[in-house]
Structures are given as C-alpha cells and as structure tokens.
C-alpha cells in the first residue's frame, strides 16, 4: 500500500521567518506520522525548512526541482526529481501529493493551490493572509481548510485521511 504524500508548498526567497518556522514544524510532524514530505526541493525558504524538519525527525523527503541539475537542491532532500520544467513543475508537485499544505503565500504557491483545487486535492492553508484564504475558499469551500498552527494542520490532515 502506498504511503501518504504530503506536499508542503510556500515561498522560496520571499519566505518570512514565521513561514520557515512553521514549515520546519510541519516537516517534523509529517515525518513523525510516517508520511512522506514532498516540496519544490530547493534550498530556500519553506522548501528548505520543511525538508530540514522532516530529516530532523528521520522522515523521507522528495524534492521536485524546476531545473535539470542539482545546484539548488536542499541537502535534506532524499529523492530529487529533476524536471527542467521551471514553474511547470508545480503541476507535478500537486499531482504527486495526496494533500497540499500552503505555508505562507507567493505567486508559485498561489498557482499550486489553484492546481490542487482544480485536481480535487484538499488544501490546508497556514500563515496565509485572510484575503488569500477567503479567495481560495470562495473557489472551493469544501476543499480549503484554514489552520492556525502546524499542530492544527496535522489534526486536519488526520481527519482527512
């Protein structure tokens, strides 16, 4: 039986300290549940923090890289998938995840949320502005969940599984 894959998406360069701390805690908690963590794989922002958290808890990490090389890869990625697709890799991120967590917000994260909703995937938003959360909930109220903390996000994940 396949393991559950949780995609954690969020800003790279534009990630705040809060985004990164939240992503680290999410990565730890995902690994502690025995789930697989999937991120964009780069050594920046939410991606790097979530992977570091999962590795700190002995989890398995998958990184879907936008390039064909390893130069930007997080050292905490176990399995690197090089796509050479740039932002097109966002669809792979979403389709390869059972559930998507958006930690913070940027243009790439917004595109991943939209792709997840279009593909019927549940999305948990954490550390996103009320306006962004309301917008995505207006598109698909039954698919978008708001969490105030990593612990609440994990509780929502458990209730969905």
C-alpha atoms as a PDB file:
ATOM      1  CA  UNK A   1       0.000   0.000   0.000  1.00  0.00           C
ATOM      2  CA  UNK A   2       1.453   3.391  -0.945  1.00  0.00           C
ATOM      3  CA  UNK A   3       2.424   5.813   1.789  1.00  0.00           C
ATOM      4  CA  UNK A   4       0.660   9.139   2.131  1.00  0.00           C
ATOM      5  CA  UNK A   5       2.497  12.009   0.433  1.00  0.00           C
ATOM      6  CA  UNK A   6       2.006  15.465   1.924  1.00  0.00           C
ATOM      7  CA  UNK A   7       3.048  18.399  -0.235  1.00  0.00           C
ATOM      8  CA  UNK A   8       4.240  21.469   1.624  1.00  0.00           C
ATOM      9  CA  UNK A   9       4.301  24.476  -0.673  1.00  0.00           C
ATOM     10  CA  UNK A  10       5.351  28.021   0.095  1.00  0.00           C
ATOM     11  CA  UNK A  11       7.624  30.890  -0.827  1.00  0.00           C
ATOM     12  CA  UNK A  12      11.308  30.382  -1.527  1.00  0.00           C
ATOM     13  CA  UNK A  13      13.113  33.734  -1.499  1.00  0.00           C
ATOM     14  CA  UNK A  14      10.109  35.589  -0.073  1.00  0.00           C
ATOM     15  CA  UNK A  15       9.536  33.279   2.897  1.00  0.00           C
ATOM     16  CA  UNK A  16       9.298  35.020   6.262  1.00  0.00           C
ATOM     17  CA  UNK A  17      10.862  33.702   9.448  1.00  0.00           C
ATOM     18  CA  UNK A  18       7.354  32.694  10.549  1.00  0.00           C
ATOM     19  CA  UNK A  19       6.834  30.796   7.270  1.00  0.00           C
ATOM     20  CA  UNK A  20      10.112  28.960   7.742  1.00  0.00           C
ATOM     21  CA  UNK A  21       9.497  28.077  11.402  1.00  0.00           C
ATOM     22  CA  UNK A  22       6.027  26.823  10.552  1.00  0.00           C
ATOM     23  CA  UNK A  23       7.414  24.766   7.624  1.00  0.00           C
ATOM     24  CA  UNK A  24      10.104  23.232   9.850  1.00  0.00           C
ATOM     25  CA  UNK A  25       7.473  22.192  12.415  1.00  0.00           C
ATOM     26  CA  UNK A  26       5.249  20.800   9.643  1.00  0.00           C
ATOM     27  CA  UNK A  27       8.155  18.774   8.229  1.00  0.00           C
ATOM     28  CA  UNK A  28       8.873  17.275  11.673  1.00  0.00           C
ATOM     29  CA  UNK A  29       5.224  16.458  12.304  1.00  0.00           C
ATOM     30  CA  UNK A  30       4.714  14.927   8.853  1.00  0.00           C
ATOM     31  CA  UNK A  31       7.726  12.657   9.368  1.00  0.00           C
ATOM     32  CA  UNK A  32       6.549  11.694  12.863  1.00  0.00           C
ATOM     33  CA  UNK A  33       3.263  10.497  11.346  1.00  0.00           C
ATOM     34  CA  UNK A  34       5.171   8.256   8.915  1.00  0.00           C
ATOM     35  CA  UNK A  35       4.053  10.297   5.904  1.00  0.00           C
ATOM     36  CA  UNK A  36       6.346  11.315   3.033  1.00  0.00           C
ATOM     37  CA  UNK A  37       7.133  15.001   2.580  1.00  0.00           C
ATOM     38  CA  UNK A  38       7.117  16.480  -0.922  1.00  0.00           C
ATOM     39  CA  UNK A  39       8.391  20.009  -1.639  1.00  0.00           C
ATOM     40  CA  UNK A  40       9.791  22.025  -4.517  1.00  0.00           C
ATOM     41  CA  UNK A  41      13.191  20.690  -3.434  1.00  0.00           C
ATOM     42  CA  UNK A  42      15.231  23.892  -3.483  1.00  0.00           C
ATOM     43  CA  UNK A  43      17.458  25.034  -0.633  1.00  0.00           C
ATOM     44  CA  UNK A  44      15.349  28.141   0.030  1.00  0.00           C
ATOM     45  CA  UNK A  45      12.555  29.292   2.284  1.00  0.00           C
ATOM     46  CA  UNK A  46       9.646  26.995   3.037  1.00  0.00           C
ATOM     47  CA  UNK A  47      11.066  24.164   0.906  1.00  0.00           C
ATOM     48  CA  UNK A  48      14.382  24.042   2.779  1.00  0.00           C
ATOM     49  CA  UNK A  49      12.784  24.449   6.212  1.00  0.00           C
ATOM     50  CA  UNK A  50      10.185  21.715   5.695  1.00  0.00           C
ATOM     51  CA  UNK A  51      12.828  19.295   4.410  1.00  0.00           C
ATOM     52  CA  UNK A  52      15.124  20.079   7.357  1.00  0.00           C
ATOM     53  CA  UNK A  53      12.271  19.462   9.787  1.00  0.00           C
ATOM     54  CA  UNK A  54      11.384  16.132   8.197  1.00  0.00           C
ATOM     55  CA  UNK A  55      15.016  14.994   8.226  1.00  0.00           C
ATOM     56  CA  UNK A  56      15.357  16.025  11.902  1.00  0.00           C
ATOM     57  CA  UNK A  57      12.515  13.554  12.576  1.00  0.00           C
ATOM     58  CA  UNK A  58      14.042  10.844  10.328  1.00  0.00           C
ATOM     59  CA  UNK A  59      11.443  11.303   7.592  1.00  0.00           C
ATOM     60  CA  UNK A  60      11.598  10.646   3.861  1.00  0.00           C
ATOM     61  CA  UNK A  61      11.719  13.720   1.615  1.00  0.00           C
ATOM     62  CA  UNK A  62      11.059  14.175  -2.096  1.00  0.00           C
ATOM     63  CA  UNK A  63      12.014  17.339  -3.963  1.00  0.00           C
ATOM     64  CA  UNK A  64      10.547  18.228  -7.356  1.00  0.00           C
ATOM     65  CA  UNK A  65      13.182  20.532  -8.838  1.00  0.00           C
ATOM     66  CA  UNK A  66      12.432  23.133 -11.512  1.00  0.00           C
ATOM     67  CA  UNK A  67      15.811  22.563 -13.197  1.00  0.00           C
ATOM     68  CA  UNK A  68      17.772  19.689 -14.710  1.00  0.00           C
ATOM     69  CA  UNK A  69      20.654  19.949 -12.242  1.00  0.00           C
ATOM     70  CA  UNK A  70      21.362  19.690  -8.511  1.00  0.00           C
ATOM     71  CA  UNK A  71      22.785  23.169  -7.888  1.00  0.00           C
ATOM     72  CA  UNK A  72      19.767  24.482  -5.947  1.00  0.00           C
ATOM     73  CA  UNK A  73      18.786  21.266  -4.171  1.00  0.00           C
ATOM     74  CA  UNK A  74      18.262  21.193  -0.425  1.00  0.00           C
ATOM     75  CA  UNK A  75      20.743  18.848   1.261  1.00  0.00           C
ATOM     76  CA  UNK A  76      17.749  17.499   3.217  1.00  0.00           C
ATOM     77  CA  UNK A  77      16.100  16.068   0.069  1.00  0.00           C
ATOM     78  CA  UNK A  78      16.358  12.275  -0.159  1.00  0.00           C
ATOM     79  CA  UNK A  79      14.830  11.811  -3.605  1.00  0.00           C
ATOM     80  CA  UNK A  80      15.373  14.579  -6.143  1.00  0.00           C
ATOM     81  CA  UNK A  81      13.261  14.638  -9.270  1.00  0.00           C
ATOM     82  CA  UNK A  82      14.786  16.961 -11.855  1.00  0.00           C
ATOM     83  CA  UNK A  83      12.135  18.262 -14.231  1.00  0.00           C
ATOM     84  CA  UNK A  84      13.757  21.032 -16.312  1.00  0.00           C
ATOM     85  CA  UNK A  85      10.205  22.452 -16.398  1.00  0.00           C
ATOM     86  CA  UNK A  86      10.569  25.664 -14.390  1.00  0.00           C
ATOM     87  CA  UNK A  87       7.210  26.615 -12.914  1.00  0.00           C
ATOM     88  CA  UNK A  88       5.563  23.817 -14.884  1.00  0.00           C
ATOM     89  CA  UNK A  89       6.817  21.528 -12.167  1.00  0.00           C
ATOM     90  CA  UNK A  90       4.097  22.949  -9.890  1.00  0.00           C
ATOM     91  CA  UNK A  91       1.600  20.583 -11.511  1.00  0.00           C
ATOM     92  CA  UNK A  92       3.879  17.638 -10.672  1.00  0.00           C
ATOM     93  CA  UNK A  93       4.098  18.879  -7.060  1.00  0.00           C
ATOM     94  CA  UNK A  94       0.324  18.905  -6.778  1.00  0.00           C
ATOM     95  CA  UNK A  95      -0.463  15.704  -8.660  1.00  0.00           C
ATOM     96  CA  UNK A  96       2.179  13.783  -6.677  1.00  0.00           C
ATOM     97  CA  UNK A  97       0.745  14.942  -3.325  1.00  0.00           C
ATOM     98  CA  UNK A  98      -2.265  13.400  -1.641  1.00  0.00           C
ATOM     99  CA  UNK A  99      -2.897  16.617   0.289  1.00  0.00           C
ATOM    100  CA  UNK A 100      -1.302  20.050  -0.137  1.00  0.00           C
ATOM    101  CA  UNK A 101      -0.364  22.417   2.681  1.00  0.00           C
ATOM    102  CA  UNK A 102       0.299  26.026   1.712  1.00  0.00           C
ATOM    103  CA  UNK A 103       2.628  27.584   4.258  1.00  0.00           C
ATOM    104  CA  UNK A 104       2.825  31.302   3.505  1.00  0.00           C
ATOM    105  CA  UNK A 105       1.958  32.785   0.148  1.00  0.00           C
ATOM    106  CA  UNK A 106       3.696  33.736  -3.069  1.00  0.00           C
ATOM    107  CA  UNK A 107       2.815  33.554  -6.739  1.00  0.00           C
ATOM    108  CA  UNK A 108       4.118  29.999  -7.104  1.00  0.00           C
ATOM    109  CA  UNK A 109       2.216  28.902  -4.005  1.00  0.00           C
ATOM    110  CA  UNK A 110      -0.974  30.503  -5.324  1.00  0.00           C
ATOM    111  CA  UNK A 111      -0.580  28.590  -8.593  1.00  0.00           C
ATOM    112  CA  UNK A 112      -0.080  25.328  -6.672  1.00  0.00           C
ATOM    113  CA  UNK A 113      -3.216  25.941  -4.589  1.00  0.00           C
ATOM    114  CA  UNK A 114      -5.232  26.639  -7.746  1.00  0.00           C
ATOM    115  CA  UNK A 115      -3.880  23.479  -9.420  1.00  0.00           C
ATOM    116  CA  UNK A 116      -4.660  21.436  -6.312  1.00  0.00           C
ATOM    117  CA  UNK A 117      -8.239  22.697  -6.228  1.00  0.00           C
ATOM    118  CA  UNK A 118      -8.666  22.082  -9.954  1.00  0.00           C
ATOM    119  CA  UNK A 119      -7.478  18.493  -9.406  1.00  0.00           C
ATOM    120  CA  UNK A 120      -9.759  17.845  -6.427  1.00  0.00           C
ATOM    121  CA  UNK A 121      -6.977  17.810  -3.815  1.00  0.00           C
ATOM    122  CA  UNK A 122      -7.625  19.055  -0.275  1.00  0.00           C
ATOM    123  CA  UNK A 123      -5.613  22.155   0.619  1.00  0.00           C
ATOM    124  CA  UNK A 124      -4.693  23.353   4.093  1.00  0.00           C
ATOM    125  CA  UNK A 125      -3.572  26.966   4.322  1.00  0.00           C
ATOM    126  CA  UNK A 126      -1.448  28.146   7.197  1.00  0.00           C
ATOM    127  CA  UNK A 127       0.179  31.520   7.706  1.00  0.00           C
ATOM    128  CA  UNK A 128      -1.697  32.980   4.714  1.00  0.00           C
ATOM    129  CA  UNK A 129      -3.474  36.319   4.704  1.00  0.00           C
ATOM    130  CA  UNK A 130      -7.214  36.260   5.404  1.00  0.00           C
ATOM    131  CA  UNK A 131      -7.826  37.700   1.932  1.00  0.00           C
ATOM    132  CA  UNK A 132      -5.907  34.899   0.200  1.00  0.00           C
ATOM    133  CA  UNK A 133      -7.594  32.256   2.333  1.00  0.00           C
ATOM    134  CA  UNK A 134     -11.055  33.703   1.647  1.00  0.00           C
ATOM    135  CA  UNK A 135     -10.343  33.838  -2.088  1.00  0.00           C
ATOM    136  CA  UNK A 136      -9.389  30.167  -2.303  1.00  0.00           C
ATOM    137  CA  UNK A 137     -12.258  29.142  -0.012  1.00  0.00           C
ATOM    138  CA  UNK A 138     -14.646  31.022  -2.310  1.00  0.00           C
ATOM    139  CA  UNK A 139     -13.456  28.863  -5.217  1.00  0.00           C
ATOM    140  CA  UNK A 140     -13.945  25.576  -3.398  1.00  0.00           C
ATOM    141  CA  UNK A 141     -15.225  25.845   0.175  1.00  0.00           C
ATOM    142  CA  UNK A 142     -15.263  22.081   0.757  1.00  0.00           C
ATOM    143  CA  UNK A 143     -11.585  21.635  -0.258  1.00  0.00           C
ATOM    144  CA  UNK A 144      -9.830  24.505   1.575  1.00  0.00           C
ATOM    145  CA  UNK A 145      -9.103  24.306   5.291  1.00  0.00           C
ATOM    146  CA  UNK A 146      -7.506  27.037   7.382  1.00  0.00           C
ATOM    147  CA  UNK A 147      -5.087  26.104  10.173  1.00  0.00           C
ATOM    148  CA  UNK A 148      -3.722  28.490  12.783  1.00  0.00           C
ATOM    149  CA  UNK A 149      -0.720  26.304  13.670  1.00  0.00           C
ATOM    150  CA  UNK A 150       1.246  23.285  12.459  1.00  0.00           C
ATOM    151  CA  UNK A 151      -0.463  21.206  15.163  1.00  0.00           C
ATOM    152  CA  UNK A 152      -3.897  22.187  13.859  1.00  0.00           C
ATOM    153  CA  UNK A 153      -2.772  21.413  10.277  1.00  0.00           C
ATOM    154  CA  UNK A 154      -1.735  17.895  11.357  1.00  0.00           C
ATOM    155  CA  UNK A 155      -5.092  17.416  13.108  1.00  0.00           C
ATOM    156  CA  UNK A 156      -6.865  18.420   9.870  1.00  0.00           C
ATOM    157  CA  UNK A 157      -4.627  16.034   7.893  1.00  0.00           C
ATOM    158  CA  UNK A 158      -5.566  13.175  10.210  1.00  0.00           C
ATOM    159  CA  UNK A 159      -9.264  13.961   9.838  1.00  0.00           C
ATOM    160  CA  UNK A 160      -8.955  13.888   6.027  1.00  0.00           C
ATOM    161  CA  UNK A 161      -7.080  10.597   5.890  1.00  0.00           C
END
